[in-house]
Amino acid sequence: MIEMDCTCVQKHHSIPTEVIEVSDHAIEKVGDILNGYRRIFMVADENTYGVAGRRVEEILTEKGILSHTLVLPAPALPNAENIGKVLLEAGRDRAVYDINAWSLNPDYILAVGSGSLNDTCRMVSYRLGIPYGVVGTAPSMDGYASVVAPLLNGRRKIVYNCTIARHIIIDLSVNAAAPYPLLLSGVGDMIGKYVAILDWEISRDRNGEYYCGQIADMVLRATDQCVAAAVNLKDRDASAIRAASEGLILSGECIAFCGSSRPASGTEHMIGQTWEVMDVEEGKAPNLHGIEVGEGTFTAIELFRRLYLETKDEPMKALIGKYLPAFDRIEQLQQTLQIPFTVTEKRRYVEGILRGRTFRDRYTVLQYLYDLGKLEEYAEAVYEPVMQKYCFSTFPEQFPDWKK
């Protein structure tokens, strides 16, 4: 268990995670870390099995603690179908059928992968009451240590409360070899924390919502760490990979300490996840979560910048002003990293902002603007500055007709 005394009203935070191992060749330690279990059910997809799952399977087999393995088709989305597959395959039938006996459940579920597989196994773990852990294969999101799972259910994306990983094993050599879009996805997920904490402060001041300054500071420090390291990700610099991986895990820990995703998810996630849902509604596979969150972050930044210039609400103006230097750093970072843009058509862009307000019951700047009767005006107004600053000028060859 990881514990922390605090100055907030909760006084103390704890999470049931037992081991966080972030190191070179961490996979080789998986047998010793999980040696207390005897029937481990390993879940991977076709991609992650080749990257890390096969070696993990060998180690657990040699230790005599592997029950069985399920390899899902890639990419394994965190949807009801894959959750059902994992649930169906979790139990093992006895060698001799006995109508009085139950199927043998594993005593542990081990996900080998990143966001989608982690969330899928997290839900099955929660429903079966069986502990789980994860061997991460990419620094692509902050959910390794999270307590919630955003899952695709039908044509909706719903955030479910779940359990938390007992063991998080991150092999830096595996993370360093992850496809570059996954590295960008991790950065996209992290830069949004500035917006999330600002939204949290706004709700504290306007609604009296619970707020923990210590957790907020931890998230901001982790974000600063990731942003500083991100410029070297393209070169797969070892220190940059470590900084990104540790920052993402710390962000997830803070979600667990808080008991909700409030410290790590605000306007940027609500907009980005709405665009994901719009793809699902149209029968398309959603884009990488962190990429959409990155786009949502750029959008939220421009909403805040416009509000800062126009508002007569001095406390709001002062609060936004604290975050403007961080917003400037993100704008500069985009010129180096070039996080892709997936939503460039104005109608779709604006719809994502408007629908994003109700993606979940959470007070953010979207609700603030809606209450002022200005959300639609702002959604229309920020389209061009966002496209110019973060998209068209970053990828001029893709948009030759854009007027500078």
Protein backbone atom coordinates (compact mmCIF):
# COMPACT_ATOMS: atom_id res chain seq x y z
CA MET A 1 0.00 0.00 0.00
CA ILE A 2 1.16 3.52 -0.84
CA GLU A 3 0.21 6.13 1.77
CA MET A 4 0.58 9.89 2.17
CA ASP A 5 -0.35 12.27 4.97
CA CYS A 6 -2.00 15.45 3.72
CA THR A 7 -3.11 18.92 4.76
CA CYS A 8 -6.50 18.64 3.01
CA VAL A 9 -9.73 17.69 4.77
CA GLN A 10 -9.06 14.01 4.10
CA LYS A 11 -5.82 14.24 6.14
CA HIS A 12 -4.53 10.97 4.69
CA HIS A 13 -4.48 9.31 1.28
CA SER A 14 -3.75 5.67 0.48
CA ILE A 15 -3.94 3.32 -2.48
CA PRO A 16 -3.62 -0.49 -2.49
CA THR A 17 -0.78 -0.58 -5.04
CA GLU A 18 2.04 -2.70 -3.64
CA VAL A 19 4.83 -2.36 -6.20
CA ILE A 20 5.70 0.20 -8.87
CA GLU A 21 8.73 -0.99 -10.79
CA VAL A 22 10.08 1.39 -13.45
CA SER A 23 13.47 0.25 -14.72
CA ASP A 24 15.44 -1.16 -17.61
CA HIS A 25 14.56 -4.83 -18.20
CA ALA A 26 11.82 -4.68 -15.54
CA ILE A 27 10.08 -7.57 -17.31
CA GLU A 28 12.73 -9.93 -16.00
CA LYS A 29 11.56 -9.15 -12.45
CA VAL A 30 7.91 -10.03 -13.06
CA GLY A 31 8.23 -13.60 -11.70
CA ASP A 32 9.70 -12.43 -8.42
CA ILE A 33 7.25 -9.54 -8.05
CA LEU A 34 4.23 -11.84 -8.56
CA ASN A 35 5.65 -14.88 -6.77
CA GLY A 36 2.90 -14.80 -4.15
CA TYR A 37 0.25 -15.85 -6.70
CA ARG A 38 -0.33 -19.33 -8.13
CA ARG A 39 -2.93 -18.99 -10.94
CA ILE A 40 -2.14 -15.91 -13.00
CA PHE A 41 -4.35 -15.19 -16.01
CA MET A 42 -2.34 -13.16 -18.53
CA VAL A 43 -4.10 -10.97 -21.12
CA ALA A 44 -2.40 -9.32 -24.09
CA ASP A 45 -3.25 -8.48 -27.68
CA GLU A 46 -1.43 -9.57 -30.82
CA ASN A 47 0.85 -6.53 -30.71
CA THR A 48 1.69 -6.46 -27.02
CA TYR A 49 2.16 -10.23 -26.91
CA GLY A 50 5.00 -9.91 -29.40
CA VAL A 51 6.49 -6.87 -27.68
CA ALA A 52 6.46 -8.17 -24.10
CA GLY A 53 3.78 -10.82 -23.52
CA ARG A 54 5.69 -13.79 -24.88
CA ARG A 55 8.62 -13.14 -22.52
CA VAL A 56 6.29 -12.54 -19.54
CA GLU A 57 4.49 -15.80 -20.34
CA GLU A 58 7.81 -17.68 -20.40
CA ILE A 59 8.85 -16.26 -17.03
CA LEU A 60 5.52 -17.03 -15.34
CA THR A 61 5.52 -20.55 -16.82
CA GLU A 62 9.05 -21.20 -15.55
CA LYS A 63 7.92 -20.06 -12.10
CA GLY A 64 4.92 -22.38 -12.29
CA ILE A 65 2.46 -19.58 -11.55
CA LEU A 66 0.80 -19.08 -14.95
CA SER A 67 -2.75 -20.37 -15.24
CA HIS A 68 -3.33 -19.50 -18.90
CA THR A 69 -3.03 -16.73 -21.49
CA LEU A 70 -5.55 -14.90 -23.66
CA VAL A 71 -4.29 -13.02 -26.72
CA LEU A 72 -6.92 -10.68 -28.16
CA PRO A 73 -6.96 -9.47 -31.77
CA ALA A 74 -5.18 -6.13 -32.18
CA PRO A 75 -5.96 -3.39 -31.56
CA ALA A 76 -7.92 -4.52 -28.51
CA LEU A 77 -10.28 -1.64 -27.76
CA PRO A 78 -11.67 -1.35 -24.20
CA ASN A 79 -15.17 -2.26 -25.32
CA ALA A 80 -17.92 -4.55 -24.04
CA GLU A 81 -16.93 -7.28 -26.52
CA ASN A 82 -13.35 -7.53 -25.28
CA ILE A 83 -14.38 -7.23 -21.65
CA GLY A 84 -16.76 -10.10 -22.30
CA LYS A 85 -14.02 -12.19 -23.90
CA VAL A 86 -11.71 -11.68 -20.94
CA LEU A 87 -14.52 -12.49 -18.53
CA LEU A 88 -15.44 -15.67 -20.44
CA GLU A 89 -11.84 -16.88 -20.57
CA ALA A 90 -10.91 -15.92 -17.00
CA GLY A 91 -12.01 -19.21 -15.44
CA ARG A 92 -10.55 -22.64 -16.17
CA ASP A 93 -12.66 -25.81 -16.19
CA ARG A 94 -11.54 -28.70 -14.03
CA ALA A 95 -10.06 -31.76 -15.68
CA VAL A 96 -12.98 -33.86 -14.48
CA TYR A 97 -16.40 -32.23 -14.85
CA ASP A 98 -18.30 -31.93 -11.60
CA ILE A 99 -21.79 -30.42 -11.58
CA ASN A 100 -21.25 -29.40 -7.96
CA ALA A 101 -18.03 -27.46 -8.65
CA TRP A 102 -17.46 -23.96 -9.93
CA SER A 103 -15.05 -23.00 -12.67
CA LEU A 104 -11.56 -22.33 -11.30
CA ASN A 105 -11.01 -18.59 -11.27
CA PRO A 106 -7.46 -17.25 -11.42
CA ASP A 107 -6.07 -15.59 -8.32
CA TYR A 108 -4.60 -12.71 -10.35
CA ILE A 109 -5.10 -11.02 -13.72
CA LEU A 110 -2.07 -9.57 -15.48
CA ALA A 111 -2.57 -7.12 -18.33
CA VAL A 112 0.29 -6.77 -20.79
CA GLY A 113 -0.26 -3.57 -22.72
CA SER A 114 -1.16 0.05 -22.17
CA GLY A 115 -4.45 1.93 -21.84
CA SER A 116 -6.98 -0.31 -23.55
CA LEU A 117 -5.81 -3.62 -22.08
CA ASN A 118 -5.24 -2.09 -18.67
CA ASP A 119 -8.80 -0.71 -18.55
CA THR A 120 -10.29 -3.96 -19.87
CA CYS A 121 -8.55 -6.06 -17.22
CA ARG A 122 -9.25 -3.46 -14.53
CA MET A 123 -12.99 -3.87 -15.11
CA VAL A 124 -12.89 -7.69 -15.10
CA SER A 125 -10.74 -7.60 -11.95
CA TYR A 126 -13.28 -5.33 -10.27
CA ARG A 127 -16.28 -7.43 -11.25
CA LEU A 128 -14.68 -10.76 -10.24
CA GLY A 129 -13.05 -9.46 -7.06
CA ILE A 130 -9.62 -10.63 -8.19
CA PRO A 131 -6.48 -8.47 -7.91
CA TYR A 132 -4.76 -7.39 -11.09
CA GLY A 133 -1.58 -5.74 -12.28
CA VAL A 134 -0.10 -4.45 -15.50
CA VAL A 135 3.10 -4.77 -17.47
CA GLY A 136 3.09 -1.53 -19.44
CA THR A 137 4.25 -1.46 -23.05
CA ALA A 138 4.07 2.29 -23.83
CA PRO A 139 4.02 5.64 -21.98
CA SER A 140 0.82 6.46 -23.82
CA MET A 141 -1.60 7.50 -21.03
CA ASP A 142 -1.80 8.10 -17.29
CA GLY A 143 -4.21 5.29 -16.44
CA TYR A 144 -1.76 2.68 -15.16
CA ALA A 145 -2.38 3.78 -11.57
CA SER A 146 -5.85 5.20 -12.09
CA VAL A 147 -9.01 4.15 -10.27
CA VAL A 148 -11.39 4.73 -13.21
CA ALA A 149 -11.78 3.06 -16.59
CA PRO A 150 -13.25 4.86 -19.63
CA LEU A 151 -14.93 2.03 -21.54
CA LEU A 152 -16.79 1.80 -24.85
CA ASN A 153 -20.27 0.47 -24.18
CA GLY A 154 -22.41 0.34 -27.29
CA ARG A 155 -21.92 3.70 -28.98
CA ARG A 156 -21.08 5.48 -25.77
CA LYS A 157 -17.91 6.00 -23.77
CA ILE A 158 -18.62 5.70 -20.07
CA VAL A 159 -16.18 6.30 -17.20
CA TYR A 160 -16.57 3.50 -14.64
CA ASN A 161 -15.16 3.39 -11.13
CA CYS A 162 -12.95 0.32 -10.84
CA THR A 163 -10.13 -1.16 -8.82
CA ILE A 164 -6.48 -0.14 -9.03
CA ALA A 165 -3.49 -2.19 -10.13
CA ARG A 166 -1.67 -3.95 -7.31
CA HIS A 167 1.53 -4.04 -9.36
CA ILE A 168 2.72 -1.69 -12.12
CA ILE A 169 5.75 -2.93 -14.02
CA ILE A 170 7.23 -0.60 -16.62
CA ASP A 171 10.18 -1.81 -18.68
CA LEU A 172 11.91 1.32 -19.97
CA SER A 173 13.54 -0.55 -22.85
CA VAL A 174 10.06 -1.62 -24.01
CA ASN A 175 8.62 1.87 -23.58
CA ALA A 176 11.51 3.39 -25.53
CA ALA A 177 10.70 1.14 -28.49
CA ALA A 178 6.99 2.02 -28.55
CA PRO A 179 5.64 3.54 -31.79
CA TYR A 180 6.11 7.31 -31.82
CA PRO A 181 2.35 8.05 -31.96
CA LEU A 182 2.02 6.30 -28.59
CA LEU A 183 4.76 8.50 -27.14
CA LEU A 184 2.91 11.56 -28.44
CA SER A 185 -0.30 10.20 -26.95
CA GLY A 186 1.30 10.13 -23.51
CA VAL A 187 2.41 13.75 -23.86
CA GLY A 188 -1.06 14.72 -25.08
CA ASP A 189 -2.60 13.13 -22.00
CA MET A 190 -0.16 14.91 -19.67
CA ILE A 191 -0.26 18.47 -21.04
CA GLY A 192 -3.97 18.50 -20.29
CA LYS A 193 -3.27 18.40 -16.54
CA TYR A 194 -2.71 22.16 -16.46
CA VAL A 195 -6.26 22.62 -17.74
CA ALA A 196 -7.64 19.96 -15.39
CA ILE A 197 -6.16 21.56 -12.29
CA LEU A 198 -7.31 25.03 -13.37
CA ASP A 199 -10.84 23.67 -13.86
CA TRP A 200 -10.64 22.05 -10.41
CA GLU A 201 -9.63 25.36 -8.84
CA ILE A 202 -12.53 27.11 -10.59
CA SER A 203 -15.00 24.57 -9.23
CA ARG A 204 -13.48 24.89 -5.74
CA ASP A 205 -13.97 28.66 -5.80
CA ARG A 206 -17.43 28.72 -7.41
CA ASN A 207 -19.03 25.53 -6.06
CA GLY A 208 -17.09 24.71 -2.92
CA GLU A 209 -15.97 21.40 -4.47
CA TYR A 210 -13.42 19.39 -2.52
CA TYR A 211 -9.91 20.38 -3.57
CA CYS A 212 -6.55 19.02 -2.41
CA GLY A 213 -3.68 21.43 -2.96
CA GLN A 214 -1.07 18.77 -2.24
CA ILE A 215 -2.45 16.43 -4.90
CA ALA A 216 -2.80 19.32 -7.35
CA ASP A 217 0.84 20.31 -6.78
CA MET A 218 1.96 16.71 -7.33
CA VAL A 219 0.10 16.59 -10.65
CA LEU A 220 1.55 19.90 -11.79
CA ARG A 221 5.09 18.81 -10.87
CA ALA A 222 4.61 15.57 -12.81
CA THR A 223 3.32 17.57 -15.78
CA ASP A 224 6.26 19.97 -15.63
CA GLN A 225 8.56 16.94 -15.62
CA CYS A 226 6.89 15.45 -18.69
CA VAL A 227 6.81 18.72 -20.62
CA ALA A 228 10.50 19.36 -19.92
CA ALA A 229 11.43 15.86 -21.09
CA ALA A 230 9.08 15.74 -24.08
CA VAL A 231 11.37 17.67 -26.42
CA ASN A 232 13.75 14.69 -26.37
CA LEU A 233 11.15 11.97 -26.93
CA LYS A 234 11.64 11.92 -30.69
CA ASP A 235 15.25 10.79 -30.09
CA ARG A 236 13.95 8.20 -27.59
CA ASP A 237 16.29 9.65 -25.01
CA ALA A 238 16.44 7.32 -22.00
CA SER A 239 15.97 10.08 -19.42
CA ALA A 240 13.01 11.47 -21.39
CA ILE A 241 11.34 8.05 -21.54
CA ARG A 242 11.83 7.59 -17.80
CA ALA A 243 10.53 11.09 -17.00
CA ALA A 244 7.45 10.59 -19.17
CA SER A 245 6.74 7.13 -17.73
CA GLU A 246 7.14 8.21 -14.12
CA GLY A 247 5.11 11.39 -14.67
CA LEU A 248 2.23 9.44 -16.17
CA ILE A 249 2.24 6.95 -13.30
CA LEU A 250 2.33 9.72 -10.69
CA SER A 251 -0.64 11.39 -12.34
CA GLY A 252 -2.56 8.12 -12.07
CA GLU A 253 -1.59 7.77 -8.42
CA CYS A 254 -3.05 11.20 -7.75
CA ILE A 255 -6.33 10.11 -9.33
CA ALA A 256 -6.36 7.16 -6.95
CA PHE A 257 -5.44 9.29 -3.93
CA CYS A 258 -8.32 11.63 -4.74
CA GLY A 259 -10.77 8.82 -5.49
CA SER A 260 -11.77 10.36 -8.81
CA SER A 261 -10.14 11.58 -12.02
CA ARG A 262 -10.75 15.23 -11.05
CA PRO A 263 -7.00 16.07 -10.67
CA ALA A 264 -6.21 14.78 -14.14
CA SER A 265 -9.30 15.32 -16.28
CA GLY A 266 -11.20 18.49 -17.10
CA THR A 267 -12.31 20.41 -20.17
CA GLU A 268 -9.59 18.85 -22.32
CA HIS A 269 -10.72 15.28 -21.61
CA MET A 270 -14.41 16.08 -21.93
CA ILE A 271 -13.88 17.56 -25.40
CA GLY A 272 -11.35 14.96 -26.54
CA GLN A 273 -13.45 12.03 -25.38
CA THR A 274 -16.50 13.51 -27.08
CA TRP A 275 -14.62 13.43 -30.39
CA GLU A 276 -13.76 9.79 -29.63
CA VAL A 277 -17.44 9.05 -29.04
CA MET A 278 -18.39 10.77 -32.29
CA ASP A 279 -16.11 8.35 -34.14
CA VAL A 280 -17.67 5.40 -32.33
CA GLU A 281 -21.15 6.65 -33.18
CA GLU A 282 -20.16 6.61 -36.85
CA GLY A 283 -18.81 3.06 -36.62
CA LYS A 284 -15.17 4.14 -36.77
CA ALA A 285 -12.35 3.15 -34.45
CA PRO A 286 -11.54 6.11 -32.18
CA ASN A 287 -8.17 7.79 -32.41
CA LEU A 288 -5.58 7.42 -29.67
CA HIS A 289 -6.97 8.82 -26.44
CA GLY A 290 -3.98 11.04 -25.69
CA ILE A 291 -3.96 12.52 -29.19
CA GLU A 292 -7.58 13.60 -28.79
CA VAL A 293 -6.86 14.93 -25.30
CA GLY A 294 -3.95 16.94 -26.73
CA GLU A 295 -6.30 18.55 -29.24
CA GLY A 296 -8.78 19.16 -26.44
CA THR A 297 -6.00 20.81 -24.43
CA PHE A 298 -5.13 23.23 -27.24
CA THR A 299 -8.83 24.06 -27.49
CA ALA A 300 -9.23 24.62 -23.74
CA ILE A 301 -6.16 26.87 -23.70
CA GLU A 302 -7.69 29.16 -26.32
CA LEU A 303 -11.02 29.21 -24.50
CA PHE A 304 -9.20 30.33 -21.35
CA ARG A 305 -7.09 32.89 -23.21
CA ARG A 306 -10.17 34.47 -24.76
CA LEU A 307 -11.96 34.48 -21.40
CA TYR A 308 -8.91 36.07 -19.75
CA LEU A 309 -8.99 38.98 -22.22
CA GLU A 310 -12.74 39.56 -22.02
CA THR A 311 -13.83 38.76 -18.48
CA LYS A 312 -14.73 41.35 -15.85
CA ASP A 313 -14.62 38.59 -13.23
CA GLU A 314 -11.36 39.55 -11.49
CA PRO A 315 -10.96 36.34 -9.42
CA MET A 316 -11.42 34.30 -12.62
CA LYS A 317 -8.94 36.51 -14.47
CA ALA A 318 -6.34 36.11 -11.71
CA LEU A 319 -6.80 32.34 -11.63
CA ILE A 320 -6.35 31.97 -15.39
CA GLY A 321 -3.34 34.30 -15.26
CA LYS A 322 -1.47 31.80 -13.05
CA TYR A 323 -1.58 29.25 -15.85
CA LEU A 324 -0.77 31.43 -18.87
CA PRO A 325 3.01 30.70 -18.68
CA ALA A 326 2.27 26.97 -18.79
CA PHE A 327 -0.06 27.51 -21.74
CA ASP A 328 2.73 29.38 -23.56
CA ARG A 329 5.10 26.44 -22.99
CA ILE A 330 2.56 24.03 -24.46
CA GLU A 331 2.16 26.18 -27.57
CA GLN A 332 5.94 26.17 -28.05
CA LEU A 333 6.15 22.43 -27.37
CA GLN A 334 3.68 21.67 -30.15
CA GLN A 335 6.05 23.20 -32.71
CA THR A 336 8.67 20.64 -31.67
CA LEU A 337 6.55 17.56 -30.99
CA GLN A 338 3.86 18.04 -33.63
CA ILE A 339 1.02 16.17 -31.92
CA PRO A 340 -1.27 15.17 -34.83
CA PHE A 341 -4.65 16.76 -35.41
CA THR A 342 -7.57 14.49 -36.14
CA VAL A 343 -10.41 17.05 -35.99
CA THR A 344 -9.96 19.86 -38.50
CA GLU A 345 -13.48 20.24 -39.94
CA LYS A 346 -15.16 23.19 -38.20
CA ARG A 347 -18.63 21.70 -37.75
CA ARG A 348 -17.24 18.59 -36.07
CA TYR A 349 -14.80 20.65 -34.02
CA VAL A 350 -17.49 22.95 -32.63
CA GLU A 351 -19.89 20.06 -31.98
CA GLY A 352 -17.24 18.35 -29.85
CA ILE A 353 -16.90 21.44 -27.66
CA LEU A 354 -20.65 21.91 -27.21
CA ARG A 355 -21.35 18.24 -26.49
CA GLY A 356 -18.25 17.99 -24.32
CA ARG A 357 -19.88 20.11 -21.63
CA THR A 358 -22.20 17.23 -20.71
CA PHE A 359 -19.77 14.35 -21.29
CA ARG A 360 -19.75 13.89 -17.54
CA ASP A 361 -21.14 15.67 -14.48
CA ARG A 362 -18.14 17.91 -13.80
CA TYR A 363 -17.95 21.68 -13.48
CA THR A 364 -15.42 23.18 -15.90
CA VAL A 365 -14.94 26.32 -17.93
CA LEU A 366 -17.41 24.84 -20.43
CA GLN A 367 -20.22 25.08 -17.87
CA TYR A 368 -19.02 28.51 -16.77
CA LEU A 369 -19.28 29.80 -20.35
CA TYR A 370 -22.61 28.04 -20.87
CA ASP A 371 -24.05 29.73 -17.78
CA LEU A 372 -22.95 33.08 -19.24
CA GLY A 373 -24.66 32.21 -22.53
CA LYS A 374 -21.31 32.38 -24.34
CA LEU A 375 -20.28 28.77 -24.94
CA GLU A 376 -21.44 28.58 -28.55
CA GLU A 377 -19.85 31.94 -29.36
CA TYR A 378 -16.53 30.85 -27.83
CA ALA A 379 -16.62 27.44 -29.53
CA GLU A 380 -16.96 29.15 -32.91
CA ALA A 381 -14.38 31.81 -32.10
CA VAL A 382 -11.50 29.57 -31.02
CA TYR A 383 -11.57 27.35 -34.10
CA GLU A 384 -9.32 29.51 -36.27
CA PRO A 385 -6.73 30.43 -33.62
CA VAL A 386 -6.41 26.77 -32.57
CA MET A 387 -6.01 25.61 -36.15
CA GLN A 388 -3.50 28.35 -36.92
CA LYS A 389 -1.34 27.97 -33.80
CA TYR A 390 -1.36 24.24 -33.27
CA CYS A 391 -2.32 22.59 -36.56
CA PHE A 392 -1.99 24.38 -39.89
CA SER A 393 1.28 26.15 -39.07
CA THR A 394 2.69 22.92 -37.62
CA PHE A 395 1.75 20.81 -40.65
CA PRO A 396 1.84 23.33 -43.57
CA GLU A 397 2.39 20.62 -46.16
CA GLN A 398 -0.93 19.01 -45.22
CA PHE A 399 -2.86 22.28 -45.47
CA PRO A 400 -1.37 24.28 -48.37
CA ASP A 401 -4.54 26.32 -48.90
CA TRP A 402 -4.76 27.61 -45.35
CA LYS A 403 -4.47 31.40 -45.32
CA LYS A 404 -1.69 32.48 -43.03
